[in-house]
Structure formats: structure tokens, C-alpha cells
Amino acid sequence: MNIRRLLLDVDKAMERPSIIEIAEAISASTGVQACNITVSDIDVETVGMNVTVEGENINYDALVSAIEHVGAVVHSIDEIVIGERVIERVQRAR
């Protein structure tokens, strides 16, 4: 399966790892061409982040292992884009 984009809900401890360390681990993962990390919430002990990863044939298992290796945790996949091209999300009018 050709994974082209993942949006992950990731948490880390307040002190370590740094967002830079997480970004370095992600960028070294197979298939990753770009990454965006946005802090979504800050708690007393944890930092919640939305991590968007784009590329071609992203190895999901290796990506999660790299994130966990530096000390962060993947809570969920909030978006996945697969296939020959990327389909951008279209807002539905209600």
C-alpha cells in the first residue's frame, strides 16, 4: 500500500524529547519527504501534537518505531492518504 500522507495524534513528555528530536526521527524514516509538527495542547506533564507526514511508500511501522524510540507516543491515525495521488480534503457544506 502506497501511504502518501498520515496525520498522527502524538504525545510527548513536557521535558523530553524535544520537537526537534521527534522531527529528526521522523525525517529519517523510510518514505518520508516532509513533516509538519503542530502543538495542539499543553498539559502539566505532556504536550499533544498533530504530526503530518507526507512522502511515498511511507513505512508506517518504522515511522511509529522511530517516534517511540525518541520517547513520544502515537495515540491515533487521524488521516491517511494512499494511492497514486493525493486527494485533498473537501469541506462539506451543511
PDB file of N, CA and C in Angstrom:
ATOM      1  N   MET A   1       0.856  -1.177   0.000  1.00  0.00           N
ATOM      2  CA  MET A   1       0.000   0.000   0.000  1.00  0.00           C
ATOM      3  C   MET A   1       0.900   1.239   0.000  1.00  0.00           C
ATOM      4  N   ASN A   2       0.656   2.149  -0.909  1.00  0.00           N
ATOM      5  CA  ASN A   2       1.447   3.368  -1.031  1.00  0.00           C
ATOM      6  C   ASN A   2       0.868   4.450  -0.126  1.00  0.00           C
ATOM      7  N   ILE A   3       1.411   4.558   1.090  1.00  0.00           N
ATOM      8  CA  ILE A   3       0.972   5.610   2.018  1.00  0.00           C
ATOM      9  C   ILE A   3       1.666   6.905   1.624  1.00  0.00           C
ATOM     10  N   ARG A   4       0.857   7.930   1.359  1.00  0.00           N
ATOM     11  CA  ARG A   4       1.383   9.227   0.930  1.00  0.00           C
ATOM     12  C   ARG A   4       1.277  10.293   2.012  1.00  0.00           C
ATOM     13  N   ARG A   5       0.281  10.190   2.887  1.00  0.00           N
ATOM     14  CA  ARG A   5       0.134  11.179   3.962  1.00  0.00           C
ATOM     15  C   ARG A   5      -0.462  10.504   5.188  1.00  0.00           C
ATOM     16  N   LEU A   6       0.053  10.887   6.340  1.00  0.00           N
ATOM     17  CA  LEU A   6      -0.501  10.462   7.622  1.00  0.00           C
ATOM     18  C   LEU A   6      -0.647  11.681   8.515  1.00  0.00           C
ATOM     19  N   LEU A   7      -1.767  11.765   9.206  1.00  0.00           N
ATOM     20  CA  LEU A   7      -1.944  12.753  10.264  1.00  0.00           C
ATOM     21  C   LEU A   7      -2.056  11.960  11.555  1.00  0.00           C
ATOM     22  N   LEU A   8      -1.083  12.149  12.440  1.00  0.00           N
ATOM     23  CA  LEU A   8      -0.999  11.376  13.680  1.00  0.00           C
ATOM     24  C   LEU A   8      -1.225  12.266  14.887  1.00  0.00           C
ATOM     25  N   ASP A   9      -1.888  11.721  15.894  1.00  0.00           N
ATOM     26  CA  ASP A   9      -2.026  12.351  17.199  1.00  0.00           C
ATOM     27  C   ASP A   9      -0.905  11.790  18.059  1.00  0.00           C
ATOM     28  N   VAL A  10       0.055  12.633  18.442  1.00  0.00           N
ATOM     29  CA  VAL A  10       1.245  12.200  19.162  1.00  0.00           C
ATOM     30  C   VAL A  10       1.380  12.990  20.457  1.00  0.00           C
ATOM     31  N   ASP A  11       1.757  12.310  21.529  1.00  0.00           N
ATOM     32  CA  ASP A  11       2.034  12.960  22.811  1.00  0.00           C
ATOM     33  C   ASP A  11       3.478  12.730  23.209  1.00  0.00           C
ATOM     34  N   LYS A  12       4.027  13.688  23.943  1.00  0.00           N
ATOM     35  CA  LYS A  12       5.367  13.563  24.494  1.00  0.00           C
ATOM     36  C   LYS A  12       5.376  14.160  25.890  1.00  0.00           C
ATOM     37  N   ALA A  13       6.368  13.789  26.684  1.00  0.00           N
ATOM     38  CA  ALA A  13       6.531  14.387  27.999  1.00  0.00           C
ATOM     39  C   ALA A  13       6.945  15.845  27.815  1.00  0.00           C
ATOM     40  N   MET A  14       6.675  16.666  28.825  1.00  0.00           N
ATOM     41  CA  MET A  14       6.970  18.091  28.743  1.00  0.00           C
ATOM     42  C   MET A  14       8.462  18.345  28.474  1.00  0.00           C
ATOM     43  N   GLU A  15       9.321  17.635  29.173  1.00  0.00           N
ATOM     44  CA  GLU A  15      10.756  17.894  29.088  1.00  0.00           C
ATOM     45  C   GLU A  15      11.431  17.267  27.868  1.00  0.00           C
ATOM     46  N   ARG A  16      11.249  15.992  27.655  1.00  0.00           N
ATOM     47  CA  ARG A  16      11.938  15.265  26.601  1.00  0.00           C
ATOM     48  C   ARG A  16      10.975  14.321  25.919  1.00  0.00           C
ATOM     49  N   PRO A  17      11.112  14.023  24.689  1.00  0.00           N
ATOM     50  CA  PRO A  17      12.069  14.551  23.732  1.00  0.00           C
ATOM     51  C   PRO A  17      11.638  15.930  23.240  1.00  0.00           C
ATOM     52  N   SER A  18      12.548  16.639  22.627  1.00  0.00           N
ATOM     53  CA  SER A  18      12.188  17.923  22.028  1.00  0.00           C
ATOM     54  C   SER A  18      11.453  17.663  20.710  1.00  0.00           C
ATOM     55  N   ILE A  19      10.757  18.664  20.237  1.00  0.00           N
ATOM     56  CA  ILE A  19      10.077  18.535  18.947  1.00  0.00           C
ATOM     57  C   ILE A  19      11.112  18.348  17.836  1.00  0.00           C
ATOM     58  N   ILE A  20      12.282  18.952  17.988  1.00  0.00           N
ATOM     59  CA  ILE A  20      13.354  18.791  17.011  1.00  0.00           C
ATOM     60  C   ILE A  20      13.788  17.331  16.943  1.00  0.00           C
ATOM     61  N   GLU A  21      13.937  16.677  18.093  1.00  0.00           N
ATOM     62  CA  GLU A  21      14.328  15.259  18.110  1.00  0.00           C
ATOM     63  C   GLU A  21      13.279  14.386  17.439  1.00  0.00           C
ATOM     64  N   ILE A  22      12.010  14.694  17.675  1.00  0.00           N
ATOM     65  CA  ILE A  22      10.931  13.941  17.035  1.00  0.00           C
ATOM     66  C   ILE A  22      10.975  14.155  15.522  1.00  0.00           C
ATOM     67  N   ALA A  23      11.159  15.397  15.087  1.00  0.00           N
ATOM     68  CA  ALA A  23      11.229  15.707  13.656  1.00  0.00           C
ATOM     69  C   ALA A  23      12.402  14.989  12.994  1.00  0.00           C
ATOM     70  N   GLU A  24      13.545  14.945  13.664  1.00  0.00           N
ATOM     71  CA  GLU A  24      14.713  14.249  13.108  1.00  0.00           C
ATOM     72  C   GLU A  24      14.434  12.759  12.946  1.00  0.00           C
ATOM     73  N   ALA A  25      13.791  12.157  13.928  1.00  0.00           N
ATOM     74  CA  ALA A  25      13.464  10.732  13.856  1.00  0.00           C
ATOM     75  C   ALA A  25      12.484  10.457  12.721  1.00  0.00           C
ATOM     76  N   ILE A  26      11.500  11.330  12.570  1.00  0.00           N
ATOM     77  CA  ILE A  26      10.512  11.167  11.501  1.00  0.00           C
ATOM     78  C   ILE A  26      11.171  11.320  10.135  1.00  0.00           C
ATOM     79  N   SER A  27      12.013  12.345   9.987  1.00  0.00           N
ATOM     80  CA  SER A  27      12.622  12.603   8.675  1.00  0.00           C
ATOM     81  C   SER A  27      13.558  11.480   8.237  1.00  0.00           C
ATOM     82  N   ALA A  28      14.075  10.701   9.185  1.00  0.00           N
ATOM     83  CA  ALA A  28      14.958   9.587   8.854  1.00  0.00           C
ATOM     84  C   ALA A  28      14.187   8.309   8.506  1.00  0.00           C
ATOM     85  N   SER A  29      12.862   8.334   8.628  1.00  0.00           N
ATOM     86  CA  SER A  29      12.043   7.148   8.369  1.00  0.00           C
ATOM     87  C   SER A  29      11.837   6.931   6.871  1.00  0.00           C
ATOM     88  N   THR A  30      11.741   5.684   6.476  1.00  0.00           N
ATOM     89  CA  THR A  30      11.599   5.303   5.073  1.00  0.00           C
ATOM     90  C   THR A  30      10.362   5.931   4.436  1.00  0.00           C
ATOM     91  N   GLY A  31      10.566   6.601   3.306  1.00  0.00           N
ATOM     92  CA  GLY A  31       9.472   7.158   2.523  1.00  0.00           C
ATOM     93  C   GLY A  31       9.078   8.569   2.879  1.00  0.00           C
ATOM     94  N   VAL A  32       9.570   9.105   3.990  1.00  0.00           N
ATOM     95  CA  VAL A  32       9.167  10.439   4.440  1.00  0.00           C
ATOM     96  C   VAL A  32       9.898  11.509   3.629  1.00  0.00           C
ATOM     97  N   GLN A  33       9.107  12.429   3.052  1.00  0.00           N
ATOM     98  CA  GLN A  33       9.673  13.543   2.297  1.00  0.00           C
ATOM     99  C   GLN A  33       9.429  14.876   2.983  1.00  0.00           C
ATOM    100  N   ALA A  34       8.404  14.950   3.840  1.00  0.00           N
ATOM    101  CA  ALA A  34       8.084  16.195   4.533  1.00  0.00           C
ATOM    102  C   ALA A  34       7.336  15.885   5.820  1.00  0.00           C
ATOM    103  N   CYS A  35       7.478  16.786   6.795  1.00  0.00           N
ATOM    104  CA  CYS A  35       6.824  16.599   8.090  1.00  0.00           C
ATOM    105  C   CYS A  35       6.449  17.959   8.658  1.00  0.00           C
ATOM    106  N   ASN A  36       5.282  18.011   9.284  1.00  0.00           N
ATOM    107  CA  ASN A  36       4.822  19.219   9.970  1.00  0.00           C
ATOM    108  C   ASN A  36       4.375  18.796  11.356  1.00  0.00           C
ATOM    109  N   ILE A  37       4.934  19.415  12.397  1.00  0.00           N
ATOM    110  CA  ILE A  37       4.542  19.129  13.777  1.00  0.00           C
ATOM    111  C   ILE A  37       3.939  20.393  14.368  1.00  0.00           C
ATOM    112  N   THR A  38       2.690  20.288  14.822  1.00  0.00           N
ATOM    113  CA  THR A  38       1.993  21.413  15.426  1.00  0.00           C
ATOM    114  C   THR A  38       1.555  21.043  16.830  1.00  0.00           C
ATOM    115  N   VAL A  39       1.937  21.847  17.815  1.00  0.00           N
ATOM    116  CA  VAL A  39       1.499  21.610  19.189  1.00  0.00           C
ATOM    117  C   VAL A  39       0.008  21.943  19.266  1.00  0.00           C
ATOM    118  N   SER A  40      -0.777  20.981  19.753  1.00  0.00           N
ATOM    119  CA  SER A  40      -2.224  21.177  19.831  1.00  0.00           C
ATOM    120  C   SER A  40      -2.703  21.460  21.245  1.00  0.00           C
ATOM    121  N   ASP A  41      -1.993  20.941  22.236  1.00  0.00           N
ATOM    122  CA  ASP A  41      -2.357  21.232  23.627  1.00  0.00           C
ATOM    123  C   ASP A  41      -1.165  20.952  24.537  1.00  0.00           C
ATOM    124  N   ILE A  42      -1.151  21.681  25.650  1.00  0.00           N
ATOM    125  CA  ILE A  42      -0.095  21.527  26.644  1.00  0.00           C
ATOM    126  C   ILE A  42      -0.754  21.284  27.994  1.00  0.00           C
ATOM    127  N   ASP A  43      -0.314  20.221  28.648  1.00  0.00           N
ATOM    128  CA  ASP A  43      -0.799  19.834  29.967  1.00  0.00           C
ATOM    129  C   ASP A  43       0.343  20.068  30.957  1.00  0.00           C
ATOM    130  N   VAL A  44       0.112  19.765  32.210  1.00  0.00           N
ATOM    131  CA  VAL A  44       1.155  19.913  33.218  1.00  0.00           C
ATOM    132  C   VAL A  44       2.343  19.007  32.908  1.00  0.00           C
ATOM    133  N   GLU A  45       2.077  17.796  32.424  1.00  0.00           N
ATOM    134  CA  GLU A  45       3.138  16.820  32.195  1.00  0.00           C
ATOM    135  C   GLU A  45       3.370  16.460  30.733  1.00  0.00           C
ATOM    136  N   THR A  46       2.406  16.744  29.852  1.00  0.00           N
ATOM    137  CA  THR A  46       2.522  16.290  28.459  1.00  0.00           C
ATOM    138  C   THR A  46       2.256  17.407  27.458  1.00  0.00           C
ATOM    139  N   VAL A  47       2.733  17.169  26.251  1.00  0.00           N
ATOM    140  CA  VAL A  47       2.483  18.055  25.115  1.00  0.00           C
ATOM    141  C   VAL A  47       1.819  17.220  24.030  1.00  0.00           C
ATOM    142  N   GLY A  48       0.652  17.638  23.574  1.00  0.00           N
ATOM    143  CA  GLY A  48      -0.054  16.954  22.488  1.00  0.00           C
ATOM    144  C   GLY A  48       0.278  17.625  21.165  1.00  0.00           C
ATOM    145  N   MET A  49       0.482  16.808  20.127  1.00  0.00           N
ATOM    146  CA  MET A  49       0.883  17.343  18.831  1.00  0.00           C
ATOM    147  C   MET A  49       0.121  16.670  17.705  1.00  0.00           C
ATOM    148  N   ASN A  50      -0.136  17.437  16.648  1.00  0.00           N
ATOM    149  CA  ASN A  50      -0.621  16.898  15.392  1.00  0.00           C
ATOM    150  C   ASN A  50       0.588  16.793  14.476  1.00  0.00           C
ATOM    151  N   VAL A  51       0.886  15.588  14.014  1.00  0.00           N
ATOM    152  CA  VAL A  51       2.046  15.351  13.170  1.00  0.00           C
ATOM    153  C   VAL A  51       1.560  14.928  11.793  1.00  0.00           C
ATOM    154  N   THR A  52       1.867  15.751  10.780  1.00  0.00           N
ATOM    155  CA  THR A  52       1.529  15.428   9.405  1.00  0.00           C
ATOM    156  C   THR A  52       2.799  15.001   8.698  1.00  0.00           C
ATOM    157  N   VAL A  53       2.742  13.834   8.072  1.00  0.00           N
ATOM    158  CA  VAL A  53       3.891  13.284   7.368  1.00  0.00           C
ATOM    159  C   VAL A  53       3.460  13.015   5.929  1.00  0.00           C
ATOM    160  N   GLU A  54       4.281  13.457   4.968  1.00  0.00           N
ATOM    161  CA  GLU A  54       3.996  13.189   3.563  1.00  0.00           C
ATOM    162  C   GLU A  54       5.201  12.552   2.901  1.00  0.00           C
ATOM    163  N   GLY A  55       4.931  11.760   1.874  1.00  0.00           N
ATOM    164  CA  GLY A  55       6.002  11.116   1.123  1.00  0.00           C
ATOM    165  C   GLY A  55       5.432  10.088   0.174  1.00  0.00           C
ATOM    166  N   GLU A  56       6.250   9.090  -0.132  1.00  0.00           N
ATOM    167  CA  GLU A  56       5.823   7.984  -0.985  1.00  0.00           C
ATOM    168  C   GLU A  56       6.217   6.687  -0.325  1.00  0.00           C
ATOM    169  N   ASN A  57       5.269   5.759  -0.269  1.00  0.00           N
ATOM    170  CA  ASN A  57       5.509   4.456   0.359  1.00  0.00           C
ATOM    171  C   ASN A  57       6.069   4.601   1.774  1.00  0.00           C
ATOM    172  N   ILE A  58       5.416   5.449   2.568  1.00  0.00           N
ATOM    173  CA  ILE A  58       5.835   5.647   3.958  1.00  0.00           C
ATOM    174  C   ILE A  58       5.667   4.329   4.698  1.00  0.00           C
ATOM    175  N   ASN A  59       6.696   3.929   5.409  1.00  0.00           N
ATOM    176  CA  ASN A  59       6.657   2.700   6.208  1.00  0.00           C
ATOM    177  C   ASN A  59       6.084   3.059   7.572  1.00  0.00           C
ATOM    178  N   TYR A  60       4.784   2.773   7.769  1.00  0.00           N
ATOM    179  CA  TYR A  60       4.102   3.168   8.996  1.00  0.00           C
ATOM    180  C   TYR A  60       4.752   2.555  10.238  1.00  0.00           C
ATOM    181  N   ASP A  61       5.050   1.271  10.198  1.00  0.00           N
ATOM    182  CA  ASP A  61       5.631   0.609  11.368  1.00  0.00           C
ATOM    183  C   ASP A  61       6.982   1.215  11.745  1.00  0.00           C
ATOM    184  N   ALA A  62       7.807   1.496  10.745  1.00  0.00           N
ATOM    185  CA  ALA A  62       9.113   2.111  11.008  1.00  0.00           C
ATOM    186  C   ALA A  62       8.941   3.529  11.536  1.00  0.00           C
ATOM    187  N   LEU A  63       7.954   4.248  11.026  1.00  0.00           N
ATOM    188  CA  LEU A  63       7.678   5.607  11.481  1.00  0.00           C
ATOM    189  C   LEU A  63       7.286   5.620  12.954  1.00  0.00           C
ATOM    190  N   VAL A  64       6.354   4.744  13.332  1.00  0.00           N
ATOM    191  CA  VAL A  64       5.925   4.665  14.732  1.00  0.00           C
ATOM    192  C   VAL A  64       7.084   4.236  15.616  1.00  0.00           C
ATOM    193  N   SER A  65       7.873   3.287  15.179  1.00  0.00           N
ATOM    194  CA  SER A  65       9.038   2.847  15.953  1.00  0.00           C
ATOM    195  C   SER A  65      10.015   3.996  16.180  1.00  0.00           C
ATOM    196  N   ALA A  66      10.237   4.809  15.150  1.00  0.00           N
ATOM    197  CA  ALA A  66      11.150   5.949  15.272  1.00  0.00           C
ATOM    198  C   ALA A  66      10.623   6.972  16.278  1.00  0.00           C
ATOM    199  N   ILE A  67       9.316   7.236  16.236  1.00  0.00           N
ATOM    200  CA  ILE A  67       8.706   8.181  17.173  1.00  0.00           C
ATOM    201  C   ILE A  67       8.806   7.648  18.599  1.00  0.00           C
ATOM    202  N   GLU A  68       8.510   6.375  18.780  1.00  0.00           N
ATOM    203  CA  GLU A  68       8.577   5.770  20.109  1.00  0.00           C
ATOM    204  C   GLU A  68      10.014   5.657  20.610  1.00  0.00           C
ATOM    205  N   HIS A  69      10.958   5.450  19.702  1.00  0.00           N
ATOM    206  CA  HIS A  69      12.371   5.314  20.083  1.00  0.00           C
ATOM    207  C   HIS A  69      12.901   6.582  20.756  1.00  0.00           C
ATOM    208  N   VAL A  70      12.417   7.751  20.318  1.00  0.00           N
ATOM    209  CA  VAL A  70      12.871   9.003  20.935  1.00  0.00           C
ATOM    210  C   VAL A  70      12.072   9.361  22.186  1.00  0.00           C
ATOM    211  N   GLY A  71      10.988   8.615  22.467  1.00  0.00           N
ATOM    212  CA  GLY A  71      10.263   8.815  23.712  1.00  0.00           C
ATOM    213  C   GLY A  71       8.885   9.426  23.603  1.00  0.00           C
ATOM    214  N   ALA A  72       8.337   9.513  22.409  1.00  0.00           N
ATOM    215  CA  ALA A  72       6.969  10.011  22.234  1.00  0.00           C
ATOM    216  C   ALA A  72       6.033   8.830  21.979  1.00  0.00           C
ATOM    217  N   VAL A  73       4.717   9.094  21.946  1.00  0.00           N
ATOM    218  CA  VAL A  73       3.718   8.035  21.799  1.00  0.00           C
ATOM    219  C   VAL A  73       2.701   8.435  20.732  1.00  0.00           C
ATOM    220  N   VAL A  74       2.423   7.518  19.805  1.00  0.00           N
ATOM    221  CA  VAL A  74       1.381   7.730  18.801  1.00  0.00           C
ATOM    222  C   VAL A  74       0.060   7.241  19.383  1.00  0.00           C
ATOM    223  N   HIS A  75      -0.920   8.143  19.499  1.00  0.00           N
ATOM    224  CA  HIS A  75      -2.231   7.770  20.040  1.00  0.00           C
ATOM    225  C   HIS A  75      -3.189   7.288  18.962  1.00  0.00           C
ATOM    226  N   SER A  76      -3.140   7.935  17.792  1.00  0.00           N
ATOM    227  CA  SER A  76      -4.085   7.527  16.753  1.00  0.00           C
ATOM    228  C   SER A  76      -3.640   8.042  15.392  1.00  0.00           C
ATOM    229  N   ILE A  77      -4.206   7.401  14.364  1.00  0.00           N
ATOM    230  CA  ILE A  77      -4.101   7.912  12.994  1.00  0.00           C
ATOM    231  C   ILE A  77      -5.388   8.695  12.748  1.00  0.00           C
ATOM    232  N   ASP A  78      -5.258   9.986  12.500  1.00  0.00           N
ATOM    233  CA  ASP A  78      -6.435  10.820  12.271  1.00  0.00           C
ATOM    234  C   ASP A  78      -6.728  11.040  10.792  1.00  0.00           C
ATOM    235  N   GLU A  79      -5.753  10.754   9.929  1.00  0.00           N
ATOM    236  CA  GLU A  79      -5.973  10.822   8.489  1.00  0.00           C
ATOM    237  C   GLU A  79      -4.923   9.940   7.816  1.00  0.00           C
ATOM    238  N   ILE A  80      -5.322   9.284   6.743  1.00  0.00           N
ATOM    239  CA  ILE A  80      -4.382   8.531   5.913  1.00  0.00           C
ATOM    240  C   ILE A  80      -4.769   8.764   4.465  1.00  0.00           C
ATOM    241  N   VAL A  81      -3.762   9.006   3.623  1.00  0.00           N
ATOM    242  CA  VAL A  81      -3.968   9.157   2.186  1.00  0.00           C
ATOM    243  C   VAL A  81      -3.093   8.120   1.515  1.00  0.00           C
ATOM    244  N   ILE A  82      -3.707   7.304   0.663  1.00  0.00           N
ATOM    245  CA  ILE A  82      -2.975   6.242  -0.042  1.00  0.00           C
ATOM    246  C   ILE A  82      -3.275   6.327  -1.528  1.00  0.00           C
ATOM    247  N   GLY A  83      -2.453   5.660  -2.319  1.00  0.00           N
ATOM    248  CA  GLY A  83      -2.740   5.550  -3.743  1.00  0.00           C
ATOM    249  C   GLY A  83      -1.719   6.237  -4.614  1.00  0.00           C
ATOM    250  N   GLU A  84      -2.105   6.460  -5.853  1.00  0.00           N
ATOM    251  CA  GLU A  84      -1.211   7.045  -6.855  1.00  0.00           C
ATOM    252  C   GLU A  84      -1.094   8.554  -6.735  1.00  0.00           C
ATOM    253  N   ARG A  85      -2.074   9.196  -6.093  1.00  0.00           N
ATOM    254  CA  ARG A  85      -2.026  10.650  -5.941  1.00  0.00           C
ATOM    255  C   ARG A  85      -2.698  11.037  -4.622  1.00  0.00           C
ATOM    256  N   VAL A  86      -2.528  12.290  -4.257  1.00  0.00           N
ATOM    257  CA  VAL A  86      -3.105  12.802  -3.015  1.00  0.00           C
ATOM    258  C   VAL A  86      -4.434  13.471  -3.335  1.00  0.00           C
ATOM    259  N   ILE A  87      -5.466  13.098  -2.596  1.00  0.00           N
ATOM    260  CA  ILE A  87      -6.758  13.761  -2.709  1.00  0.00           C
ATOM    261  C   ILE A  87      -6.870  14.706  -1.517  1.00  0.00           C
ATOM    262  N   GLU A  88      -7.002  15.996  -1.800  1.00  0.00           N
ATOM    263  CA  GLU A  88      -7.141  16.973  -0.721  1.00  0.00           C
ATOM    264  C   GLU A  88      -8.554  16.885  -0.154  1.00  0.00           C
ATOM    265  N   ARG A  89      -8.650  17.085   1.132  1.00  0.00           N
ATOM    266  CA  ARG A  89      -9.935  17.020   1.822  1.00  0.00           C
ATOM    267  C   ARG A  89     -10.816  18.173   1.369  1.00  0.00           C
ATOM    268  N   VAL A  90     -12.058  17.878   1.090  1.00  0.00           N
ATOM    269  CA  VAL A  90     -13.029  18.887   0.669  1.00  0.00           C
ATOM    270  C   VAL A  90     -14.046  19.073   1.795  1.00  0.00           C
ATOM    271  N   GLN A  91     -14.225  20.315   2.237  1.00  0.00           N
ATOM    272  CA  GLN A  91     -15.205  20.599   3.286  1.00  0.00           C
ATOM    273  C   GLN A  91     -16.616  20.405   2.733  1.00  0.00           C
ATOM    274  N   ARG A  92     -17.425  19.704   3.480  1.00  0.00           N
ATOM    275  CA  ARG A  92     -18.821  19.520   3.085  1.00  0.00           C
ATOM    276  C   ARG A  92     -19.636  20.711   3.545  1.00  0.00           C
ATOM    277  N   ALA A  93     -20.507  21.194   2.690  1.00  0.00           N
ATOM    278  CA  ALA A  93     -21.431  22.269   3.069  1.00  0.00           C
ATOM    279  C   ALA A  93     -22.650  21.627   3.719  1.00  0.00           C
ATOM    280  N   ARG A  94     -23.057  22.159   4.838  1.00  0.00           N
ATOM    281  CA  ARG A  94     -24.235  21.609   5.519  1.00  0.00           C
ATOM    282  C   ARG A  94     -25.278  22.666   5.678  1.00  0.00           C
TER     283      ARG A  94
END
